[in-house]
Amino acid sequence: TTLIITLATLNHSPPDQAQLLDHVSHQLTASQDTLQEHVLLDVVWSLTVLGRVNHQQLESVLNSIFYNVILYHQSNKQIGHTLKLLNINSAARLLYPDYTGPTLNLAEDSLIKDIKLSPGHAKVQFNQSVLEAFSSLHHPPRHSSLHVNTLLGFVAEAECVLDPAGRALAIEEFGNSFGNKSPDKPLPEGGLRVALVTGTFQDCLLNGEISGVMALNVKLLEALGYK
């Protein structure tokens, strides 16, 4: 489990080690009933980041018995686990179209809609600078939404919609809140949905690449059609 979690954190899936990763994934599937809930969740999330998760592993954490333990645990420490569960749920829906197992019913769970991780002071300051520049181009609240809980397992700093010429459109009319509502008006041909997600030093690796969690978040946004 340590190997898989470390590789996922570093967003590193060595192509010459694909057979090894598949072997480890198979061994984890065989022993998943013996793993503690938080360990199983970490492992399935890591395999999801690495693109090595299978349907059986997705179902092992997206069934109601398992996710109720994660969602309704009394400890605040479970916020991180809940976000990972939302990551996995979103990946199952968006990245694995052949998956037919259970998923979370987000529409009926008000608790999930309020789950978000509070950023540290350094990231708050960094985001403030970025959002000041962004808002000067796409004025909120008419032309952008800020601090949006995507329900994908992370908060997007901003969302906007652009026409083919790059002009901002009314977010209330054309926005879909990351697939969580139907827009009042369809996206014009050639238009773009744009998401702003910031990455500070803690979200990146020493070589300048983004971490595993950031990479997965970007994949989910792209699967929803965002730039």
C-alpha atoms as a PDB file:
ATOM      1  CA  THR A   1       0.000   0.000   0.000  1.00  0.00           C
ATOM      2  CA  THR A   2       2.856   2.415   0.756  1.00  0.00           C
ATOM      3  CA  LEU A   3       4.236   2.052  -2.784  1.00  0.00           C
ATOM      4  CA  ILE A   4       0.880   2.773  -4.419  1.00  0.00           C
ATOM      5  CA  ILE A   5       0.123   5.773  -2.182  1.00  0.00           C
ATOM      6  CA  THR A   6       3.597   7.237  -2.721  1.00  0.00           C
ATOM      7  CA  LEU A   7       3.410   6.889  -6.505  1.00  0.00           C
ATOM      8  CA  ALA A   8      -0.032   8.510  -6.530  1.00  0.00           C
ATOM      9  CA  THR A   9       1.121  11.405  -4.355  1.00  0.00           C
ATOM     10  CA  LEU A  10       4.032  12.002  -6.755  1.00  0.00           C
ATOM     11  CA  ASN A  11       1.779  11.494  -9.795  1.00  0.00           C
ATOM     12  CA  HIS A  12       4.283   8.970 -11.095  1.00  0.00           C
ATOM     13  CA  SER A  13       3.261   5.911 -13.077  1.00  0.00           C
ATOM     14  CA  PRO A  14       6.462   4.504 -14.629  1.00  0.00           C
ATOM     15  CA  PRO A  15       5.595   2.874 -17.966  1.00  0.00           C
ATOM     16  CA  ASP A  16       8.244   0.179 -17.505  1.00  0.00           C
ATOM     17  CA  GLN A  17       6.614  -0.825 -14.201  1.00  0.00           C
ATOM     18  CA  ALA A  18       3.063  -1.316 -15.494  1.00  0.00           C
ATOM     19  CA  GLN A  19       3.202  -5.056 -14.829  1.00  0.00           C
ATOM     20  CA  LEU A  20       4.314  -4.445 -11.249  1.00  0.00           C
ATOM     21  CA  LEU A  21       1.491  -1.951 -10.645  1.00  0.00           C
ATOM     22  CA  ASP A  22      -1.056  -4.364 -12.083  1.00  0.00           C
ATOM     23  CA  HIS A  23       0.286  -7.113  -9.820  1.00  0.00           C
ATOM     24  CA  VAL A  24       0.076  -4.897  -6.736  1.00  0.00           C
ATOM     25  CA  SER A  25      -3.453  -3.840  -7.724  1.00  0.00           C
ATOM     26  CA  HIS A  26      -4.491  -7.480  -8.075  1.00  0.00           C
ATOM     27  CA  GLN A  27      -3.017  -8.350  -4.671  1.00  0.00           C
ATOM     28  CA  LEU A  28      -4.840  -5.431  -3.055  1.00  0.00           C
ATOM     29  CA  THR A  29      -8.119  -6.525  -4.615  1.00  0.00           C
ATOM     30  CA  ALA A  30      -7.666  -9.988  -3.140  1.00  0.00           C
ATOM     31  CA  SER A  31      -6.976  -8.596   0.340  1.00  0.00           C
ATOM     32  CA  GLN A  32      -9.284  -5.566   0.391  1.00  0.00           C
ATOM     33  CA  ASP A  33     -11.702  -7.175   2.875  1.00  0.00           C
ATOM     34  CA  THR A  34      -8.936  -7.228   5.478  1.00  0.00           C
ATOM     35  CA  LEU A  35      -7.938  -3.563   5.122  1.00  0.00           C
ATOM     36  CA  GLN A  36      -9.173  -0.848   7.467  1.00  0.00           C
ATOM     37  CA  GLU A  37     -11.618   1.583   5.899  1.00  0.00           C
ATOM     38  CA  HIS A  38      -9.230   4.527   5.667  1.00  0.00           C
ATOM     39  CA  VAL A  39      -6.456   2.328   4.236  1.00  0.00           C
ATOM     40  CA  LEU A  40      -8.772   0.856   1.604  1.00  0.00           C
ATOM     41  CA  LEU A  41      -9.961   4.348   0.676  1.00  0.00           C
ATOM     42  CA  ASP A  42      -6.383   5.617   0.345  1.00  0.00           C
ATOM     43  CA  VAL A  43      -5.456   2.649  -1.835  1.00  0.00           C
ATOM     44  CA  VAL A  44      -8.447   2.944  -4.173  1.00  0.00           C
ATOM     45  CA  TRP A  45      -7.941   6.713  -4.433  1.00  0.00           C
ATOM     46  CA  SER A  46      -4.261   6.173  -5.259  1.00  0.00           C
ATOM     47  CA  LEU A  47      -5.088   3.609  -7.948  1.00  0.00           C
ATOM     48  CA  THR A  48      -7.621   6.077  -9.347  1.00  0.00           C
ATOM     49  CA  VAL A  49      -4.955   8.789  -9.571  1.00  0.00           C
ATOM     50  CA  LEU A  50      -2.619   6.347 -11.329  1.00  0.00           C
ATOM     51  CA  GLY A  51      -5.335   5.175 -13.726  1.00  0.00           C
ATOM     52  CA  ARG A  52      -5.038   1.601 -12.460  1.00  0.00           C
ATOM     53  CA  VAL A  53      -8.271   1.195 -10.521  1.00  0.00           C
ATOM     54  CA  ASN A  54     -10.732  -1.503 -11.567  1.00  0.00           C
ATOM     55  CA  HIS A  55     -14.498  -1.646 -11.230  1.00  0.00           C
ATOM     56  CA  GLN A  56     -14.409  -4.000  -8.266  1.00  0.00           C
ATOM     57  CA  GLN A  57     -12.182  -1.590  -6.362  1.00  0.00           C
ATOM     58  CA  LEU A  58     -14.423   1.361  -7.216  1.00  0.00           C
ATOM     59  CA  GLU A  59     -17.456  -0.531  -5.965  1.00  0.00           C
ATOM     60  CA  SER A  60     -15.667  -1.498  -2.747  1.00  0.00           C
ATOM     61  CA  VAL A  61     -15.697   2.142  -1.565  1.00  0.00           C
ATOM     62  CA  LEU A  62     -18.772   3.478  -3.379  1.00  0.00           C
ATOM     63  CA  ASN A  63     -21.237   1.026  -1.852  1.00  0.00           C
ATOM     64  CA  SER A  64     -23.535   2.517   0.774  1.00  0.00           C
ATOM     65  CA  ILE A  65     -22.208   0.430   3.676  1.00  0.00           C
ATOM     66  CA  PHE A  66     -18.667   1.688   3.169  1.00  0.00           C
ATOM     67  CA  TYR A  67     -19.292   5.308   2.314  1.00  0.00           C
ATOM     68  CA  ASN A  68     -21.684   5.815   5.236  1.00  0.00           C
ATOM     69  CA  VAL A  69     -18.815   4.941   7.570  1.00  0.00           C
ATOM     70  CA  ILE A  70     -16.662   7.600   5.894  1.00  0.00           C
ATOM     71  CA  LEU A  71     -19.307  10.309   5.529  1.00  0.00           C
ATOM     72  CA  TYR A  72     -20.893  10.142   8.951  1.00  0.00           C
ATOM     73  CA  HIS A  73     -17.902   9.527  11.192  1.00  0.00           C
ATOM     74  CA  GLN A  74     -17.865  12.009  14.047  1.00  0.00           C
ATOM     75  CA  SER A  75     -14.232  13.033  13.592  1.00  0.00           C
ATOM     76  CA  ASN A  76     -13.407  16.170  11.642  1.00  0.00           C
ATOM     77  CA  LYS A  77     -10.350  14.328  10.374  1.00  0.00           C
ATOM     78  CA  GLN A  78     -12.703  12.541   7.994  1.00  0.00           C
ATOM     79  CA  ILE A  79     -13.046  15.648   5.791  1.00  0.00           C
ATOM     80  CA  GLY A  80      -9.980  14.609   3.821  1.00  0.00           C
ATOM     81  CA  HIS A  81     -11.368  11.103   3.448  1.00  0.00           C
ATOM     82  CA  THR A  82     -14.704  12.475   2.269  1.00  0.00           C
ATOM     83  CA  LEU A  83     -12.975  14.561  -0.406  1.00  0.00           C
ATOM     84  CA  LYS A  84     -11.107  11.479  -1.603  1.00  0.00           C
ATOM     85  CA  LEU A  85     -14.399   9.601  -1.749  1.00  0.00           C
ATOM     86  CA  LEU A  86     -15.870  12.413  -3.855  1.00  0.00           C
ATOM     87  CA  ASN A  87     -12.795  12.242  -6.110  1.00  0.00           C
ATOM     88  CA  ILE A  88     -13.345   8.516  -6.626  1.00  0.00           C
ATOM     89  CA  ASN A  89     -17.078   8.957  -7.169  1.00  0.00           C
ATOM     90  CA  SER A  90     -16.458  11.596  -9.818  1.00  0.00           C
ATOM     91  CA  ALA A  91     -13.823   9.477 -11.519  1.00  0.00           C
ATOM     92  CA  ALA A  92     -16.235   6.526 -11.639  1.00  0.00           C
ATOM     93  CA  ARG A  93     -18.843   8.716 -13.356  1.00  0.00           C
ATOM     94  CA  LEU A  94     -16.579  10.693 -15.677  1.00  0.00           C
ATOM     95  CA  LEU A  95     -13.478   8.607 -16.393  1.00  0.00           C
ATOM     96  CA  TYR A  96     -14.924   5.092 -16.363  1.00  0.00           C
ATOM     97  CA  PRO A  97     -18.051   5.166 -18.559  1.00  0.00           C
ATOM     98  CA  ASP A  98     -18.345   1.361 -18.450  1.00  0.00           C
ATOM     99  CA  TYR A  99     -18.623   1.348 -14.661  1.00  0.00           C
ATOM    100  CA  THR A 100     -22.150   0.305 -13.643  1.00  0.00           C
ATOM    101  CA  GLY A 101     -21.715  -0.093  -9.897  1.00  0.00           C
ATOM    102  CA  PRO A 102     -23.052   2.170  -7.130  1.00  0.00           C
ATOM    103  CA  THR A 103     -22.185   5.859  -6.837  1.00  0.00           C
ATOM    104  CA  LEU A 104     -22.974   8.569  -4.311  1.00  0.00           C
ATOM    105  CA  ASN A 105     -26.334  10.303  -4.610  1.00  0.00           C
ATOM    106  CA  LEU A 106     -25.104  13.855  -4.124  1.00  0.00           C
ATOM    107  CA  ALA A 107     -28.485  15.458  -4.773  1.00  0.00           C
ATOM    108  CA  GLU A 108     -29.982  13.877  -1.657  1.00  0.00           C
ATOM    109  CA  ASP A 109     -27.106  14.480   0.749  1.00  0.00           C
ATOM    110  CA  SER A 110     -26.911  18.022   2.071  1.00  0.00           C
ATOM    111  CA  LEU A 111     -23.876  17.152   4.206  1.00  0.00           C
ATOM    112  CA  ILE A 112     -21.713  16.447   1.169  1.00  0.00           C
ATOM    113  CA  LYS A 113     -22.599  19.772  -0.427  1.00  0.00           C
ATOM    114  CA  ASP A 114     -21.054  21.601   2.522  1.00  0.00           C
ATOM    115  CA  ILE A 115     -17.855  19.557   2.710  1.00  0.00           C
ATOM    116  CA  LYS A 116     -14.755  21.525   1.795  1.00  0.00           C
ATOM    117  CA  LEU A 117     -11.205  21.778   3.034  1.00  0.00           C
ATOM    118  CA  SER A 118     -10.203  25.171   4.407  1.00  0.00           C
ATOM    119  CA  PRO A 119      -6.951  26.332   2.752  1.00  0.00           C
ATOM    120  CA  GLY A 120      -4.000  27.441   4.833  1.00  0.00           C
ATOM    121  CA  HIS A 121      -3.060  31.085   5.310  1.00  0.00           C
ATOM    122  CA  ALA A 122      -0.407  31.033   2.573  1.00  0.00           C
ATOM    123  CA  LYS A 123      -2.817  29.661  -0.030  1.00  0.00           C
ATOM    124  CA  VAL A 124      -5.523  32.122   1.010  1.00  0.00           C
ATOM    125  CA  GLN A 125      -3.111  34.983   0.344  1.00  0.00           C
ATOM    126  CA  PHE A 126      -1.997  33.458  -2.957  1.00  0.00           C
ATOM    127  CA  ASN A 127      -5.595  32.892  -4.076  1.00  0.00           C
ATOM    128  CA  GLN A 128      -6.519  36.442  -3.190  1.00  0.00           C
ATOM    129  CA  SER A 129      -3.860  37.807  -5.528  1.00  0.00           C
ATOM    130  CA  VAL A 130      -4.883  35.470  -8.344  1.00  0.00           C
ATOM    131  CA  LEU A 131      -8.593  36.185  -7.924  1.00  0.00           C
ATOM    132  CA  GLU A 132      -8.046  39.929  -7.944  1.00  0.00           C
ATOM    133  CA  ALA A 133      -6.475  39.607 -11.403  1.00  0.00           C
ATOM    134  CA  PHE A 134      -9.102  37.129 -12.571  1.00  0.00           C
ATOM    135  CA  SER A 135     -11.998  39.257 -11.322  1.00  0.00           C
ATOM    136  CA  SER A 136     -10.689  42.306 -13.164  1.00  0.00           C
ATOM    137  CA  LEU A 137     -11.289  40.379 -16.400  1.00  0.00           C
ATOM    138  CA  HIS A 138     -14.400  38.393 -15.441  1.00  0.00           C
ATOM    139  CA  HIS A 139     -16.338  40.433 -12.915  1.00  0.00           C
ATOM    140  CA  PRO A 140     -18.172  38.412 -10.245  1.00  0.00           C
ATOM    141  CA  PRO A 141     -20.935  37.682  -9.648  1.00  0.00           C
ATOM    142  CA  ARG A 142     -22.298  38.394 -13.145  1.00  0.00           C
ATOM    143  CA  HIS A 143     -19.471  36.976 -15.237  1.00  0.00           C
ATOM    144  CA  SER A 144     -17.883  34.503 -12.840  1.00  0.00           C
ATOM    145  CA  SER A 145     -18.458  32.496  -9.683  1.00  0.00           C
ATOM    146  CA  LEU A 146     -15.808  32.337  -6.983  1.00  0.00           C
ATOM    147  CA  HIS A 147     -14.932  29.602  -4.475  1.00  0.00           C
ATOM    148  CA  VAL A 148     -17.206  26.991  -6.061  1.00  0.00           C
ATOM    149  CA  ASN A 149     -17.639  23.618  -4.361  1.00  0.00           C
ATOM    150  CA  THR A 150     -17.496  21.394  -7.439  1.00  0.00           C
ATOM    151  CA  LEU A 151     -18.677  18.266  -5.564  1.00  0.00           C
ATOM    152  CA  LEU A 152     -15.828  16.551  -7.400  1.00  0.00           C
ATOM    153  CA  GLY A 153     -13.752  16.497  -4.231  1.00  0.00           C
ATOM    154  CA  PHE A 154     -12.259  19.980  -4.363  1.00  0.00           C
ATOM    155  CA  VAL A 155     -13.130  23.673  -4.514  1.00  0.00           C
ATOM    156  CA  ALA A 156     -12.496  25.592  -7.739  1.00  0.00           C
ATOM    157  CA  GLU A 157     -11.283  29.110  -7.150  1.00  0.00           C
ATOM    158  CA  ALA A 158     -13.443  30.415 -10.008  1.00  0.00           C
ATOM    159  CA  GLU A 159     -15.662  29.448 -12.929  1.00  0.00           C
ATOM    160  CA  CYS A 160     -16.590  31.455 -16.017  1.00  0.00           C
ATOM    161  CA  VAL A 161     -18.063  30.950 -19.487  1.00  0.00           C
ATOM    162  CA  LEU A 162     -16.641  32.592 -22.622  1.00  0.00           C
ATOM    163  CA  ASP A 163     -18.090  33.111 -26.083  1.00  0.00           C
ATOM    164  CA  PRO A 164     -16.044  32.192 -29.211  1.00  0.00           C
ATOM    165  CA  ALA A 165     -14.419  35.643 -29.153  1.00  0.00           C
ATOM    166  CA  GLY A 166     -13.301  35.216 -25.547  1.00  0.00           C
ATOM    167  CA  ARG A 167     -15.894  37.559 -24.062  1.00  0.00           C
ATOM    168  CA  ALA A 168     -17.381  36.610 -20.695  1.00  0.00           C
ATOM    169  CA  LEU A 169     -21.005  35.465 -20.651  1.00  0.00           C
ATOM    170  CA  ALA A 170     -23.458  35.709 -17.761  1.00  0.00           C
ATOM    171  CA  ILE A 171     -22.538  32.841 -15.448  1.00  0.00           C
ATOM    172  CA  GLU A 172     -26.085  32.483 -14.083  1.00  0.00           C
ATOM    173  CA  GLU A 173     -27.436  31.939 -17.595  1.00  0.00           C
ATOM    174  CA  PHE A 174     -24.705  29.815 -19.167  1.00  0.00           C
ATOM    175  CA  GLY A 175     -22.940  28.206 -16.193  1.00  0.00           C
ATOM    176  CA  ASN A 176     -23.632  24.642 -15.125  1.00  0.00           C
ATOM    177  CA  SER A 177     -21.768  24.720 -11.784  1.00  0.00           C
ATOM    178  CA  PHE A 178     -19.507  21.834 -12.787  1.00  0.00           C
ATOM    179  CA  GLY A 179     -22.352  19.643 -13.970  1.00  0.00           C
ATOM    180  CA  ASN A 180     -24.443  20.184 -10.850  1.00  0.00           C
ATOM    181  CA  LYS A 181     -27.206  22.173 -12.569  1.00  0.00           C
ATOM    182  CA  SER A 182     -28.656  22.606 -16.026  1.00  0.00           C
ATOM    183  CA  PRO A 183     -27.743  25.969 -17.592  1.00  0.00           C
ATOM    184  CA  ASP A 184     -30.583  28.300 -18.561  1.00  0.00           C
ATOM    185  CA  LYS A 185     -29.010  28.781 -21.982  1.00  0.00           C
ATOM    186  CA  PRO A 186     -26.892  26.364 -24.029  1.00  0.00           C
ATOM    187  CA  LEU A 187     -23.215  27.017 -24.544  1.00  0.00           C
ATOM    188  CA  PRO A 188     -22.722  28.863 -27.872  1.00  0.00           C
ATOM    189  CA  GLU A 189     -20.882  26.952 -30.588  1.00  0.00           C
ATOM    190  CA  GLY A 190     -17.197  27.567 -30.016  1.00  0.00           C
ATOM    191  CA  GLY A 191     -17.801  28.790 -26.465  1.00  0.00           C
ATOM    192  CA  LEU A 192     -15.715  27.629 -23.518  1.00  0.00           C
ATOM    193  CA  ARG A 193     -16.279  26.703 -19.906  1.00  0.00           C
ATOM    194  CA  VAL A 194     -13.261  27.772 -17.881  1.00  0.00           C
ATOM    195  CA  ALA A 195     -12.287  26.677 -14.378  1.00  0.00           C
ATOM    196  CA  LEU A 196      -9.614  28.335 -12.288  1.00  0.00           C
ATOM    197  CA  VAL A 197      -7.816  26.020  -9.865  1.00  0.00           C
ATOM    198  CA  THR A 198      -4.693  27.357  -8.220  1.00  0.00           C
ATOM    199  CA  GLY A 199      -1.643  25.368  -7.325  1.00  0.00           C
ATOM    200  CA  THR A 200       0.766  26.621  -4.682  1.00  0.00           C
ATOM    201  CA  PHE A 201       4.161  25.212  -3.767  1.00  0.00           C
ATOM    202  CA  GLN A 202       2.504  22.499  -1.674  1.00  0.00           C
ATOM    203  CA  ASP A 203       0.478  21.345  -4.689  1.00  0.00           C
ATOM    204  CA  CYS A 204       3.514  20.909  -6.942  1.00  0.00           C
ATOM    205  CA  LEU A 205       6.581  18.685  -7.137  1.00  0.00           C
ATOM    206  CA  LEU A 206      10.206  19.793  -7.152  1.00  0.00           C
ATOM    207  CA  ASN A 207      10.444  19.325 -10.925  1.00  0.00           C
ATOM    208  CA  GLY A 208       7.565  21.729 -11.518  1.00  0.00           C
ATOM    209  CA  GLU A 209       4.953  19.063 -12.219  1.00  0.00           C
ATOM    210  CA  ILE A 210       1.688  18.966 -10.308  1.00  0.00           C
ATOM    211  CA  SER A 211       0.942  16.450  -7.561  1.00  0.00           C
ATOM    212  CA  GLY A 212      -1.323  13.461  -7.936  1.00  0.00           C
ATOM    213  CA  VAL A 213      -4.364  15.094  -6.354  1.00  0.00           C
ATOM    214  CA  MET A 214      -4.034  18.157  -8.604  1.00  0.00           C
ATOM    215  CA  ALA A 215      -3.578  15.965 -11.684  1.00  0.00           C
ATOM    216  CA  LEU A 216      -6.737  14.015 -10.877  1.00  0.00           C
ATOM    217  CA  ASN A 217      -8.700  17.222 -10.325  1.00  0.00           C
ATOM    218  CA  VAL A 218      -7.582  18.511 -13.728  1.00  0.00           C
ATOM    219  CA  LYS A 219      -8.629  15.224 -15.391  1.00  0.00           C
ATOM    220  CA  LEU A 220     -12.083  15.498 -13.820  1.00  0.00           C
ATOM    221  CA  LEU A 221     -12.494  19.101 -14.985  1.00  0.00           C
ATOM    222  CA  GLU A 222     -11.407  18.201 -18.509  1.00  0.00           C
ATOM    223  CA  ALA A 223     -13.831  15.275 -18.554  1.00  0.00           C
ATOM    224  CA  LEU A 224     -16.606  17.785 -17.790  1.00  0.00           C
ATOM    225  CA  GLY A 225     -15.516  19.916 -20.731  1.00  0.00           C
ATOM    226  CA  TYR A 226     -13.685  22.637 -18.808  1.00  0.00           C
ATOM    227  CA  LYS A 227     -10.517  24.366 -19.906  1.00  0.00           C
END
